[in-house]
N, C-alpha and C. Protein backbone atom coordinates (compact mmCIF):
# COMPACT_ATOMS: atom_id res chain seq x y z
N PHE A 1 129.26 16.31 66.10
CA PHE A 1 129.05 18.39 65.96
C PHE A 1 129.24 18.17 64.19
N LEU A 2 127.94 19.24 63.91
CA LEU A 2 127.46 19.47 63.13
C LEU A 2 128.57 21.31 61.88
N VAL A 3 129.75 21.13 62.26
CA VAL A 3 130.05 22.42 61.89
C VAL A 3 130.14 22.91 60.69
N SER A 4 129.58 24.44 60.52
CA SER A 4 129.42 25.20 59.22
C SER A 4 130.68 25.27 59.17
N PRO A 5 130.87 25.54 57.58
CA PRO A 5 132.51 26.29 57.17
C PRO A 5 133.45 27.83 58.15
N ALA A 6 132.18 28.74 58.18
CA ALA A 6 132.61 29.75 58.99
C ALA A 6 133.40 29.33 60.58
N ASP A 7 132.54 27.90 61.14
CA ASP A 7 133.31 27.77 62.15
C ASP A 7 134.90 27.03 61.87
N THR A 8 134.34 26.66 60.96
CA THR A 8 135.72 25.23 60.64
C THR A 8 136.84 26.35 60.54
N HIS A 9 136.59 27.42 59.30
CA HIS A 9 137.44 28.37 59.21
C HIS A 9 138.72 29.20 60.82
N ILE A 10 137.58 29.52 61.76
CA ILE A 10 137.38 30.03 62.74
C ILE A 10 137.82 28.96 63.87
N TRP A 11 137.73 27.84 63.69
CA TRP A 11 138.47 26.65 64.51
C TRP A 11 139.91 26.85 64.16
N ASN A 12 140.26 27.30 62.93
CA ASN A 12 141.61 26.59 62.81
C ASN A 12 142.59 27.57 62.81
N ASP A 13 141.80 28.96 63.00
CA ASP A 13 142.92 30.57 63.89
C ASP A 13 143.31 30.10 65.70
N THR A 14 144.56 29.61 64.98
CA THR A 14 144.88 29.68 66.92
C THR A 14 144.56 30.74 67.06
N ILE A 15 144.19 31.71 67.78
CA ILE A 15 143.18 33.18 68.38
C ILE A 15 142.36 32.86 68.90
N HIS A 16 141.66 31.80 67.86
CA HIS A 16 140.22 31.53 68.31
C HIS A 16 140.13 30.05 68.71
N ASP A 17 141.22 29.49 69.01
CA ASP A 17 140.86 28.37 69.64
C ASP A 17 139.96 27.84 71.09
N ALA A 18 140.29 28.68 71.78
CA ALA A 18 140.76 28.18 73.20
C ALA A 18 139.01 29.01 73.19
N CYS A 19 137.83 29.74 72.79
CA CYS A 19 136.56 30.00 72.84
C CYS A 19 136.07 29.35 71.85
N MET A 20 136.38 28.74 70.97
CA MET A 20 135.59 27.59 70.08
C MET A 20 135.26 26.39 70.94
N TYR A 21 136.72 26.16 71.80
CA TYR A 21 136.46 24.94 71.99
C TYR A 21 135.38 25.37 73.48
N GLY A 22 136.20 25.94 74.03
CA GLY A 22 134.73 26.53 74.57
C GLY A 22 133.07 26.48 75.05
N TYR A 23 132.69 26.79 73.36
CA TYR A 23 131.49 27.09 72.69
C TYR A 23 130.69 25.63 72.70
N TYR A 24 131.71 25.03 71.74
CA TYR A 24 131.10 23.40 71.45
C TYR A 24 131.20 22.56 73.06
N GLU A 25 131.55 23.49 73.26
CA GLU A 25 131.45 22.06 74.63
C GLU A 25 130.01 22.16 75.78
N LYS A 26 130.12 23.82 75.79
CA LYS A 26 128.98 24.27 76.45
C LYS A 26 127.59 23.46 75.94
N TYR A 27 128.30 23.81 74.85
CA TYR A 27 126.56 23.16 74.07
C TYR A 27 126.71 21.39 73.71
N TYR A 28 127.39 20.37 74.19
CA TYR A 28 127.53 18.95 74.49
C TYR A 28 126.50 18.81 75.16
N TRP A 29 125.95 17.57 73.57
CA TRP A 29 124.46 17.01 74.01
C TRP A 29 125.18 15.89 75.15
N LYS A 30 124.07 15.38 75.80
CA LYS A 30 123.94 13.82 76.17
C LYS A 30 123.48 13.08 75.76
N THR A 31 123.94 11.82 76.15
CA THR A 31 124.16 10.81 75.37
C THR A 31 123.05 9.69 75.41
N GLU A 32 122.49 10.05 76.80
CA GLU A 32 121.71 9.21 77.61
C GLU A 32 120.10 9.40 76.55
N CYS A 33 119.14 8.30 76.38
CA CYS A 33 118.21 8.76 75.47
C CYS A 33 117.15 7.81 76.17
N ASN A 34 116.22 8.81 76.83
CA ASN A 34 114.79 8.05 78.03
C ASN A 34 113.68 7.95 77.65
N LEU A 35 112.79 7.48 77.15
CA LEU A 35 111.30 6.79 77.05
C LEU A 35 110.21 8.11 77.54
N TYR A 36 110.17 8.57 77.03
CA TYR A 36 108.55 9.30 77.83
C TYR A 36 107.44 8.98 77.46
N TYR A 37 105.95 7.77 78.18
CA TYR A 37 105.37 8.00 77.38
C TYR A 37 104.06 8.20 78.44
N ASN A 38 103.98 9.31 79.29
CA ASN A 38 103.14 9.95 79.78
C ASN A 38 103.17 11.25 79.71
N VAL A 39 102.94 12.00 78.61
CA VAL A 39 102.79 12.59 78.24
C VAL A 39 102.15 12.59 77.66
N ARG A 40 100.65 13.73 77.61
CA ARG A 40 99.48 14.23 77.12
C ARG A 40 99.13 13.38 75.61
N GLN A 41 98.40 12.68 76.23
CA GLN A 41 97.70 11.81 74.70
C GLN A 41 96.85 12.52 74.02
N LYS A 42 97.32 12.01 71.85
CA LYS A 42 96.33 12.57 71.63
C LYS A 42 95.43 11.94 71.39
N LYS A 43 95.13 10.88 71.54
CA LYS A 43 93.44 9.78 72.04
C LYS A 43 93.14 9.29 73.33
N SER A 44 91.95 9.52 73.70
CA SER A 44 91.98 8.48 74.91
C SER A 44 92.03 6.46 74.50
N PHE A 45 92.05 6.03 75.53
CA PHE A 45 92.43 4.44 75.02
C PHE A 45 91.18 4.31 74.39
N ASP A 46 89.68 4.63 75.00
CA ASP A 46 88.41 3.80 74.19
C ASP A 46 88.02 4.87 72.62
N GLN A 47 88.51 6.05 72.99
CA GLN A 47 89.01 6.56 71.15
C GLN A 47 89.61 5.68 70.08
N VAL A 48 90.90 5.34 70.63
CA VAL A 48 91.32 4.45 70.07
C VAL A 48 90.67 3.03 69.41
N ILE A 49 89.94 2.29 70.40
CA ILE A 49 89.23 1.77 70.28
C ILE A 49 87.94 1.28 69.16
N GLU A 50 87.50 2.07 69.70
CA GLU A 50 86.18 3.22 68.96
C GLU A 50 86.96 3.03 67.69
N ASP A 51 88.30 3.91 66.87
CA ASP A 51 88.07 3.99 65.86
C ASP A 51 88.64 2.97 65.65
N LYS A 52 89.20 1.62 65.80
CA LYS A 52 89.59 0.00 65.76
C LYS A 52 88.60 -0.17 65.05
N LEU A 53 87.54 -0.41 65.85
CA LEU A 53 86.63 -1.31 65.39
C LEU A 53 85.88 -0.48 64.39
N LYS A 54 85.39 0.28 64.44
CA LYS A 54 84.50 1.11 62.57
C LYS A 54 85.32 0.78 61.66
N SER A 55 86.18 0.29 61.72
CA SER A 55 87.13 -0.05 60.61
C SER A 55 86.97 -1.73 59.98
N GLN A 56 86.60 -2.23 61.25
CA GLN A 56 85.99 -3.60 60.59
C GLN A 56 84.75 -4.33 60.52
N SER A 57 84.36 -5.08 60.33
CA SER A 57 82.90 -5.68 59.85
C SER A 57 82.40 -5.27 61.02
N HIS A 58 80.94 -5.85 60.19
CA HIS A 58 79.87 -4.87 61.01
C HIS A 58 80.47 -4.58 62.57
N LYS A 59 80.62 -3.18 62.17
CA LYS A 59 81.35 -1.83 62.97
C LYS A 59 79.85 -1.47 64.32
N GLU A 60 78.90 -1.69 64.25
CA GLU A 60 77.86 -1.20 65.32
C GLU A 60 78.06 -2.28 66.16
N GLU A 61 77.69 -3.36 66.10
CA GLU A 61 77.69 -4.45 66.94
C GLU A 61 78.76 -4.36 66.93
N ARG A 62 79.55 -4.48 66.99
CA ARG A 62 81.65 -4.32 67.91
C ARG A 62 81.07 -3.30 68.46
N LEU A 63 81.11 -2.43 68.55
CA LEU A 63 81.23 -1.19 68.78
C LEU A 63 79.96 -1.08 70.15
N GLU A 64 79.42 -1.70 69.67
CA GLU A 64 78.38 -1.53 71.06
C GLU A 64 78.13 -1.89 71.83
N TYR A 65 79.27 -3.84 71.40
CA TYR A 65 79.57 -4.96 72.43
C TYR A 65 80.62 -4.17 73.66
N TYR A 66 81.52 -3.63 73.14
CA TYR A 66 82.93 -3.12 73.76
C TYR A 66 82.10 -1.61 74.38
N LYS A 67 81.13 -0.67 74.57
CA LYS A 67 80.48 0.02 75.33
C LYS A 67 79.38 -0.83 76.43
N LEU A 68 78.93 -2.04 75.99
CA LEU A 68 78.95 -2.50 77.26
C LEU A 68 79.67 -2.89 77.55
N LEU A 69 80.25 -3.60 77.07
CA LEU A 69 81.13 -4.55 78.36
C LEU A 69 82.41 -3.12 79.29
N ALA A 70 82.15 -1.65 78.83
CA ALA A 70 82.87 -1.03 79.75
C ALA A 70 82.50 0.42 80.16
N GLY A 71 80.94 -0.56 80.41
CA GLY A 71 79.88 0.17 81.62
C GLY A 71 79.73 1.23 80.53
N GLN A 72 79.35 1.42 79.17
CA GLN A 72 79.46 2.68 78.53
C GLN A 72 77.74 3.17 78.07
N GLU A 73 76.95 2.44 77.93
CA GLU A 73 75.77 1.84 77.58
C GLU A 73 74.92 2.90 78.76
N SER A 74 73.85 3.10 77.69
CA SER A 74 72.85 4.04 78.26
C SER A 74 71.96 3.76 79.65
N GLY A 75 72.01 4.74 80.38
CA GLY A 75 71.42 3.68 82.06
C GLY A 75 72.88 2.57 82.46
N SER A 76 73.11 1.87 81.52
CA SER A 76 74.07 0.34 82.82
C SER A 76 75.02 1.50 84.41
N GLU A 77 75.20 1.22 84.74
CA GLU A 77 75.73 1.20 86.38
C GLU A 77 76.78 0.16 86.45
N THR A 78 77.57 -1.53 85.53
CA THR A 78 77.63 -2.26 85.69
C THR A 78 78.67 -2.07 85.05
N LEU A 79 79.88 -2.03 85.17
CA LEU A 79 81.77 -3.00 84.22
C LEU A 79 82.17 -3.77 84.57
N TYR A 80 81.48 -4.34 83.20
CA TYR A 80 81.87 -6.13 83.08
C TYR A 80 83.67 -5.41 83.05
N GLY A 81 84.21 -5.67 82.23
CA GLY A 81 85.61 -5.73 82.47
C GLY A 81 85.90 -5.82 80.79
N ASN A 82 86.70 -5.02 80.79
CA ASN A 82 87.78 -5.69 78.92
C ASN A 82 89.14 -5.41 79.16
N HIS A 83 89.62 -4.27 79.77
CA HIS A 83 91.87 -4.01 79.65
C HIS A 83 91.38 -3.84 81.16
N GLN A 84 90.45 -3.91 82.32
CA GLN A 84 91.11 -3.69 83.46
C GLN A 84 90.45 -5.13 84.81
N THR A 85 91.15 -5.17 85.21
CA THR A 85 90.58 -6.09 86.49
C THR A 85 90.34 -6.11 87.42
N LEU A 86 90.68 -5.29 88.29
CA LEU A 86 91.12 -4.97 89.59
C LEU A 86 90.17 -4.05 89.90
N ARG A 87 89.81 -4.07 91.70
CA ARG A 87 89.02 -3.43 91.87
C ARG A 87 89.57 -2.07 92.78
N ASN A 88 89.21 -0.23 91.98
CA ASN A 88 89.02 0.64 92.83
C ASN A 88 89.68 0.47 93.95
N MET A 89 90.96 0.93 94.67
CA MET A 89 91.59 0.28 95.46
C MET A 89 91.30 2.02 96.79
N LEU A 90 90.37 2.90 96.11
CA LEU A 90 90.33 3.98 97.46
C LEU A 90 88.68 4.24 97.16
N SER A 91 87.65 5.33 98.39
CA SER A 91 86.33 5.09 97.71
C SER A 91 86.28 5.33 96.65
N GLY A 92 84.93 5.13 95.87
CA GLY A 92 84.16 5.50 95.17
C GLY A 92 84.29 4.50 94.05
N ASP A 93 83.20 4.87 92.68
CA ASP A 93 83.05 3.87 91.50
C ASP A 93 84.47 3.81 90.42
N THR A 94 85.41 4.70 90.87
CA THR A 94 86.43 4.41 89.67
C THR A 94 87.66 5.38 90.97
N ILE A 95 88.23 4.67 90.24
CA ILE A 95 90.14 4.92 90.33
C ILE A 95 90.09 6.93 89.84
N ARG A 96 89.17 6.67 88.49
CA ARG A 96 89.37 7.85 87.44
C ARG A 96 88.93 9.13 88.20
N ASN A 97 88.13 9.10 89.56
CA ASN A 97 88.13 10.01 89.88
C ASN A 97 88.49 10.19 90.90
N TYR A 98 89.52 10.37 91.55
CA TYR A 98 91.26 11.05 91.96
C TYR A 98 92.34 12.09 90.37
N LEU A 99 92.43 12.41 91.47
CA LEU A 99 93.63 13.66 90.37
C LEU A 99 95.04 12.64 90.39
N VAL A 100 96.08 11.92 89.22
CA VAL A 100 97.52 11.75 89.77
C VAL A 100 98.12 12.87 89.82
N LYS A 101 98.64 12.67 90.72
CA LYS A 101 100.06 13.63 91.14
C LYS A 101 101.46 13.29 90.43
N GLN A 102 101.79 11.88 90.47
CA GLN A 102 102.78 11.32 89.77
C GLN A 102 102.32 10.47 88.96
N ALA A 103 102.34 10.12 87.66
CA ALA A 103 101.83 9.11 86.95
C ALA A 103 103.37 7.06 86.91
N PHE A 104 102.96 6.99 86.01
CA PHE A 104 103.88 6.06 86.23
C PHE A 104 104.94 6.28 84.71
N GLY A 105 106.04 5.52 84.95
CA GLY A 105 107.36 6.41 83.49
C GLY A 105 107.73 7.70 83.91
N TYR A 106 108.41 8.03 83.25
CA TYR A 106 109.59 9.21 83.67
C TYR A 106 108.90 10.37 83.24
N ASP A 107 108.99 11.16 83.56
CA ASP A 107 108.76 12.74 84.07
C ASP A 107 109.16 13.09 83.02
N MET A 108 107.99 14.66 82.34
CA MET A 108 108.63 14.79 81.51
C MET A 108 108.89 16.29 81.85
N TRP A 109 110.64 16.71 81.78
CA TRP A 109 111.14 17.62 82.03
C TRP A 109 111.71 18.95 80.73
N GLU A 110 111.85 19.75 80.63
CA GLU A 110 112.93 20.27 79.88
C GLU A 110 113.47 19.39 78.87
N TRP A 111 114.11 20.13 77.74
CA TRP A 111 115.10 18.91 77.10
C TRP A 111 116.37 18.93 77.67
N ASN A 112 116.66 17.94 77.28
CA ASN A 112 118.23 18.02 77.64
C ASN A 112 118.56 18.74 79.69
N ARG A 113 117.40 17.77 80.04
CA ARG A 113 117.46 17.95 81.53
C ARG A 113 117.47 16.61 81.69
N THR A 114 118.61 16.82 82.86
CA THR A 114 118.39 15.44 83.86
C THR A 114 116.60 15.42 84.94
N ASN A 115 116.00 14.04 84.89
CA ASN A 115 115.26 13.39 84.77
C ASN A 115 115.53 12.69 86.69
N ASN A 116 114.15 12.37 86.70
CA ASN A 116 114.09 11.62 88.57
C ASN A 116 114.29 10.53 87.78
N GLY A 117 114.37 9.86 87.57
CA GLY A 117 114.30 8.50 86.63
C GLY A 117 113.08 7.55 86.52
N LEU A 118 112.92 6.29 86.26
CA LEU A 118 111.61 6.12 86.29
C LEU A 118 111.02 5.97 87.25
N TYR A 119 109.46 5.83 87.55
CA TYR A 119 109.00 6.11 88.71
C TYR A 119 107.89 4.70 88.37
N GLN A 120 107.53 4.10 89.08
CA GLN A 120 107.26 2.42 88.70
C GLN A 120 106.37 2.50 89.38
N GLY A 121 105.20 3.24 89.50
CA GLY A 121 103.94 2.98 90.64
C GLY A 121 102.98 4.87 89.75
N ILE A 122 102.32 4.65 90.64
CA ILE A 122 101.39 5.92 90.08
C ILE A 122 100.97 6.33 91.94
N LYS A 123 100.98 8.03 91.80
CA LYS A 123 100.17 8.32 93.30
C LYS A 123 99.17 9.29 92.48
N TYR A 124 98.60 9.43 93.80
CA TYR A 124 97.15 9.84 93.45
C TYR A 124 96.50 10.39 94.93
N TYR A 125 96.10 11.84 94.44
CA TYR A 125 96.13 13.09 95.56
C TYR A 125 94.61 12.14 96.09
N CYS A 126 94.72 12.46 97.54
CA CYS A 126 93.37 12.23 98.25
C CYS A 126 93.62 13.16 99.78
N ASN A 127 92.72 12.73 101.02
CA ASN A 127 92.95 13.18 101.82
C ASN A 127 93.60 12.23 103.26
N THR A 128 94.42 12.64 103.57
CA THR A 128 95.00 11.69 104.85
C THR A 128 93.19 11.38 105.92
N GLY A 129 93.88 9.96 105.93
CA GLY A 129 92.57 9.33 106.62
C GLY A 129 91.66 8.35 105.55
N THR A 130 91.73 8.39 104.42
CA THR A 130 91.03 7.82 102.84
C THR A 130 91.30 6.73 103.38
N ARG A 131 89.66 5.55 103.59
CA ARG A 131 89.87 4.49 103.27
C ARG A 131 90.54 3.76 102.36
N LEU A 132 91.02 2.48 102.18
CA LEU A 132 91.74 2.01 101.29
C LEU A 132 90.42 0.27 101.25
N TYR A 133 90.85 0.11 100.46
CA TYR A 133 90.00 -1.05 99.85
C TYR A 133 90.50 -2.41 99.76
N ALA A 134 90.56 -3.61 99.95
CA ALA A 134 91.18 -4.62 98.80
C ALA A 134 90.79 -5.12 97.21
N PRO A 135 91.70 -4.69 96.66
CA PRO A 135 91.63 -4.89 94.93
C PRO A 135 91.01 -6.48 94.38
N PHE A 136 91.38 -7.51 95.82
CA PHE A 136 91.08 -8.74 95.00
C PHE A 136 91.47 -9.28 96.35
N ASP A 137 90.64 -10.65 96.78
CA ASP A 137 90.90 -11.63 97.53
C ASP A 137 91.96 -12.02 97.67
N CYS A 138 92.94 -11.81 98.84
CA CYS A 138 94.14 -11.97 99.07
C CYS A 138 95.18 -11.81 101.04
N LYS A 139 96.24 -12.20 100.43
CA LYS A 139 96.82 -12.28 102.07
C LYS A 139 97.21 -10.86 101.91
N ILE A 140 97.86 -10.45 103.69
CA ILE A 140 98.27 -9.12 103.39
C ILE A 140 100.27 -9.64 103.42
N LYS A 141 100.97 -9.05 102.76
CA LYS A 141 101.97 -10.34 102.85
C LYS A 141 103.16 -9.14 103.47
N ASP A 142 103.36 -8.36 103.30
CA ASP A 142 104.19 -7.57 104.00
C ASP A 142 103.09 -5.95 104.63
N VAL A 143 104.25 -6.08 106.22
CA VAL A 143 103.98 -4.21 106.55
C VAL A 143 105.05 -3.92 107.37
N ASP A 144 104.86 -2.83 106.24
CA ASP A 144 106.10 -2.08 107.34
C ASP A 144 105.52 -0.08 107.42
N THR A 145 105.62 -0.47 109.13
CA THR A 145 105.51 0.72 109.80
C THR A 145 105.78 1.76 109.93
N ALA A 146 107.57 1.20 109.89
CA ALA A 146 107.84 2.78 110.01
C ALA A 146 107.74 3.47 108.53
N ASN A 147 107.72 3.03 107.83
CA ASN A 147 107.47 3.59 105.91
C ASN A 147 106.47 3.72 105.85
N HIS A 148 105.62 3.02 107.33
CA HIS A 148 104.03 3.22 106.44
C HIS A 148 103.63 1.99 104.92
N LYS A 149 104.23 1.42 104.88
CA LYS A 149 104.03 1.35 102.80
C LYS A 149 102.95 -0.98 103.94
N ILE A 150 102.54 -1.19 103.09
CA ILE A 150 101.68 -2.44 102.85
C ILE A 150 102.05 -3.07 101.58
N THR A 151 102.03 -4.16 101.95
CA THR A 151 102.52 -4.95 99.94
C THR A 151 101.30 -5.84 100.46
N LEU A 152 100.72 -6.25 99.38
CA LEU A 152 99.01 -7.61 98.83
C LEU A 152 99.75 -8.44 98.39
N ARG A 153 99.31 -9.97 98.51
CA ARG A 153 99.29 -11.07 97.74
C ARG A 153 98.52 -11.64 97.15
N LYS A 154 98.46 -11.98 95.22
CA LYS A 154 97.76 -12.80 95.33
C LYS A 154 97.75 -13.95 94.06
N ASP A 155 98.30 -14.93 93.76
CA ASP A 155 98.82 -15.92 93.34
C ASP A 155 97.51 -15.87 91.77
N ASP A 156 98.02 -16.48 90.79
CA ASP A 156 97.37 -16.75 89.28
C ASP A 156 96.46 -15.95 89.62
N VAL A 157 96.58 -14.59 89.26
CA VAL A 157 95.58 -13.41 89.19
C VAL A 157 95.09 -13.35 87.67
N GLN A 158 93.80 -13.67 87.20
CA GLN A 158 93.46 -13.89 85.61
C GLN A 158 93.09 -12.53 85.03
N TYR A 159 94.54 -12.03 84.08
CA TYR A 159 94.30 -10.67 83.46
C TYR A 159 93.58 -10.66 81.79
N TRP A 160 92.89 -9.86 81.65
CA TRP A 160 92.06 -9.74 80.11
C TRP A 160 92.67 -9.10 79.25
N TYR A 161 93.68 -8.81 79.86
CA TYR A 161 94.03 -7.67 78.79
C TYR A 161 95.32 -8.29 78.09
N ASP A 162 95.76 -9.63 78.05
CA ASP A 162 97.23 -9.95 77.21
C ASP A 162 96.22 -10.72 76.13
N GLY A 163 94.78 -10.74 75.82
CA GLY A 163 94.42 -11.72 74.79
C GLY A 163 94.32 -12.81 74.26
N SER A 164 94.89 -13.51 75.52
CA SER A 164 95.03 -15.42 75.78
C SER A 164 93.84 -15.96 76.30
N GLY A 165 93.35 -15.23 76.69
CA GLY A 165 92.03 -15.86 77.30
C GLY A 165 91.78 -15.58 79.16
N GLY A 166 93.37 -14.63 79.07
CA GLY A 166 92.85 -14.67 81.11
C GLY A 166 94.15 -15.52 81.30
N THR A 167 95.64 -14.96 80.68
CA THR A 167 96.66 -15.80 81.59
C THR A 167 96.60 -15.37 83.00
N LYS A 168 97.01 -15.97 83.80
CA LYS A 168 97.24 -16.18 85.08
C LYS A 168 98.96 -15.72 85.73
N ARG A 169 98.84 -14.40 86.46
CA ARG A 169 100.08 -14.18 86.82
C ARG A 169 99.99 -13.70 88.61
N ASP A 170 100.66 -14.51 89.03
CA ASP A 170 100.80 -13.77 90.81
C ASP A 170 101.04 -12.08 90.27
N THR A 171 100.61 -11.79 91.49
CA THR A 171 100.49 -10.23 91.67
C THR A 171 100.39 -9.89 93.03
N GLU A 172 101.11 -8.57 93.09
CA GLU A 172 101.61 -7.92 94.44
C GLU A 172 101.00 -6.41 94.75
N VAL A 173 100.74 -6.00 95.18
CA VAL A 173 100.68 -4.89 95.23
C VAL A 173 100.98 -4.20 96.28
N THR A 174 101.97 -3.29 95.91
CA THR A 174 102.25 -2.46 97.39
C THR A 174 101.80 -0.40 97.76
N ILE A 175 101.35 -0.13 98.46
CA ILE A 175 100.21 0.08 98.71
C ILE A 175 101.73 1.94 99.90
N ALA A 176 101.75 2.20 99.25
CA ALA A 176 102.35 4.15 99.97
C ALA A 176 101.89 4.81 100.79
N ASN A 177 102.20 4.94 101.86
CA ASN A 177 101.96 6.39 102.79
C ASN A 177 99.92 6.06 103.27
N ALA A 178 100.18 4.54 103.69
CA ALA A 178 98.63 3.97 104.32
C ALA A 178 99.38 2.76 105.48
N VAL A 179 98.49 2.83 106.31
CA VAL A 179 98.34 1.90 107.23
C VAL A 179 97.22 1.13 108.03
N LEU A 180 97.70 -0.45 108.77
CA LEU A 180 96.68 -1.10 108.82
C LEU A 180 95.79 -0.21 109.60
N LEU A 181 94.27 -1.28 109.40
CA LEU A 181 93.01 -0.69 110.20
C LEU A 181 93.12 -1.54 111.95
N ASN A 182 92.45 -1.28 112.32
CA ASN A 182 93.29 -1.73 113.82
C ASN A 182 92.04 -3.37 113.56
N GLY A 183 92.79 -4.03 113.53
CA GLY A 183 92.07 -5.79 113.63
C GLY A 183 92.78 -5.61 112.60
N TYR A 184 93.73 -5.42 111.98
CA TYR A 184 94.22 -5.81 110.67
C TYR A 184 95.83 -6.21 111.26
N SER A 185 96.28 -7.43 110.73
CA SER A 185 97.51 -8.02 110.75
C SER A 185 98.35 -8.25 109.80
N GLU A 186 99.91 -8.03 109.72
CA GLU A 186 100.58 -9.52 108.42
C GLU A 186 100.07 -10.94 109.11
N GLY A 187 100.00 -10.70 107.46
CA GLY A 187 99.40 -12.11 107.92
C GLY A 187 97.74 -12.59 107.20
N ASP A 188 97.27 -11.58 107.83
CA ASP A 188 95.88 -11.73 107.42
C ASP A 188 95.76 -12.01 105.93
N THR A 189 93.72 -12.77 105.70
CA THR A 189 93.71 -13.31 104.64
C THR A 189 92.15 -11.87 104.13
N ILE A 190 92.31 -11.03 103.38
CA ILE A 190 90.98 -10.01 102.79
C ILE A 190 90.30 -10.21 102.03
N HIS A 191 89.53 -9.92 101.60
CA HIS A 191 89.16 -9.70 100.72
C HIS A 191 88.17 -9.22 99.65
N GLU A 192 87.94 -9.09 98.50
CA GLU A 192 88.22 -7.96 97.27
C GLU A 192 87.11 -6.94 97.82
N GLY A 193 86.89 -5.49 97.78
CA GLY A 193 86.25 -4.46 98.28
C GLY A 193 86.35 -4.22 100.00
N GLU A 194 87.15 -5.06 100.05
CA GLU A 194 86.92 -5.63 102.46
C GLU A 194 87.72 -3.63 102.58
N MET A 195 87.55 -3.36 104.03
CA MET A 195 88.10 -2.13 103.92
C MET A 195 89.24 -2.99 105.08
N PHE A 196 90.81 -2.07 105.10
CA PHE A 196 91.55 -2.88 105.31
C PHE A 196 92.36 -1.54 106.47
N ALA A 197 92.73 -0.50 105.43
CA ALA A 197 93.90 0.83 105.75
C ALA A 197 92.77 1.77 105.25
N GLN A 198 94.41 2.82 105.78
CA GLN A 198 93.98 4.39 105.49
C GLN A 198 94.94 4.96 105.55
N THR A 199 94.85 6.01 104.91
CA THR A 199 96.01 6.83 103.67
C THR A 199 96.43 7.54 105.11
N THR A 200 97.98 7.73 105.66
CA THR A 200 98.69 8.71 106.09
C THR A 200 99.32 10.09 105.89
N ASN A 201 99.39 10.66 103.99
CA ASN A 201 99.21 11.63 103.72
C ASN A 201 98.24 11.82 103.27
N THR A 202 98.57 13.06 102.06
CA THR A 202 97.55 13.46 100.76
C THR A 202 97.47 13.34 99.42
N ASN A 203 98.73 11.94 99.53
CA ASN A 203 98.28 10.90 98.13
C ASN A 203 99.04 9.28 99.03
N VAL A 204 98.44 9.03 97.52
CA VAL A 204 99.28 7.50 98.75
C VAL A 204 99.84 7.29 96.99
N ASN A 205 100.18 5.99 97.30
CA ASN A 205 101.38 5.12 96.44
C ASN A 205 100.19 4.11 95.46
N PHE A 206 100.51 3.80 94.34
CA PHE A 206 100.36 2.17 94.77
C PHE A 206 101.01 1.55 93.44
N HIS A 207 101.97 0.34 93.64
CA HIS A 207 102.64 -0.45 92.67
C HIS A 207 102.26 -2.07 92.90
N ILE A 208 101.86 -1.86 91.12
CA ILE A 208 102.18 -3.46 90.99
C ILE A 208 102.71 -4.18 90.46
N GLU A 209 103.08 -5.54 90.94
CA GLU A 209 104.19 -6.51 90.42
C GLU A 209 103.86 -7.52 90.14
N ILE A 210 103.88 -8.10 88.86
CA ILE A 210 103.92 -9.41 88.36
C ILE A 210 104.48 -10.32 88.00
N ASP A 211 104.64 -11.54 87.96
CA ASP A 211 105.19 -12.10 88.02
C ASP A 211 105.26 -13.42 85.88
N THR A 212 106.46 -12.61 85.40
CA THR A 212 106.18 -13.02 83.99
C THR A 212 106.15 -14.24 83.78
N ASP A 213 105.55 -15.22 84.39
CA ASP A 213 105.76 -16.54 83.96
C ASP A 213 107.23 -17.10 83.21
N GLY A 214 108.09 -17.10 84.50
CA GLY A 214 109.38 -17.22 84.85
C GLY A 214 109.65 -16.59 84.59
N TYR A 215 110.34 -15.53 83.69
CA TYR A 215 110.81 -14.28 83.27
C TYR A 215 111.23 -12.64 84.37
N GLY A 216 111.34 -13.63 86.06
CA GLY A 216 111.41 -12.44 86.64
C GLY A 216 110.12 -11.78 87.20
N TRP A 217 110.20 -11.17 88.13
CA TRP A 217 109.02 -10.04 88.54
C TRP A 217 108.69 -8.88 87.75
N ASP A 218 108.00 -7.13 87.17
CA ASP A 218 108.03 -6.43 86.89
C ASP A 218 107.32 -5.49 86.82
N TYR A 219 106.60 -4.19 87.09
CA TYR A 219 106.27 -3.28 87.74
C TYR A 219 105.23 -3.39 86.22
N ILE A 220 104.27 -2.83 86.37
CA ILE A 220 103.18 -2.55 85.56
C ILE A 220 102.01 -1.27 85.87
N ASP A 221 101.88 -0.57 84.76
CA ASP A 221 101.37 0.85 85.22
C ASP A 221 99.77 0.56 85.45
N PRO A 222 99.78 0.77 87.53
CA PRO A 222 98.50 0.23 87.44
C PRO A 222 97.11 0.93 86.60
N ARG A 223 96.81 1.78 85.96
CA ARG A 223 96.47 2.16 85.51
C ARG A 223 96.03 1.48 84.25
N LEU A 224 96.43 0.27 83.73
CA LEU A 224 95.82 -0.90 83.29
C LEU A 224 95.69 -1.66 83.43
N VAL A 225 95.06 -1.65 84.74
CA VAL A 225 94.45 -2.78 85.44
C VAL A 225 93.38 -2.35 87.02
N LEU A 226 93.21 -0.94 87.23
CA LEU A 226 92.72 -0.94 87.91
C LEU A 226 90.99 -0.14 87.04
N TYR A 227 90.52 -0.64 88.02
CA TYR A 227 89.20 0.49 87.26
C TYR A 227 88.81 1.27 88.32
């Protein structure tokens, strides 16, 4: 602690020892430090990209090409993809039409207050019974009917966001608050865009885990790869 001269004088006074110790013990700070990265952003991802491209040569051409890939061109309804690679599992053109209930990362709480720890998935609000669609051609690896969880797996998924031309990673997607539709069961193979499940609650949870090339499996923020 940084103790003022006045406090030092009081501390050395035996009459006030107990109260001063109680004062500093009361305001003892926790030493654990967590990184919070789901706080409000100053700029969107696309705004950061635009600023970066405008600082380079042929800025107008670069920006137009990026807008084409991201489906931002006027009259364009096609998303060619840049940093997002997996199909939206909810109804609609994009998962961004749905409100986030809990984001990937640490919850933001008041200063010096214990949080609920790191959440390694994402929760979206939806209606009970909302249909779910396969994010890629994959296999239904595991079905936990008691806890309403479904795990999908595909090997060698090609990702574009790593900057090396499409490194392939084995990928598993776990969906919570969901059950399979009639006719589907564990071990089945399903295709991208195929309707195979529905939600059992007013929110659905997605966890995406990838094999990091010999370094083990790691969860990633689903918003990085879902469009």
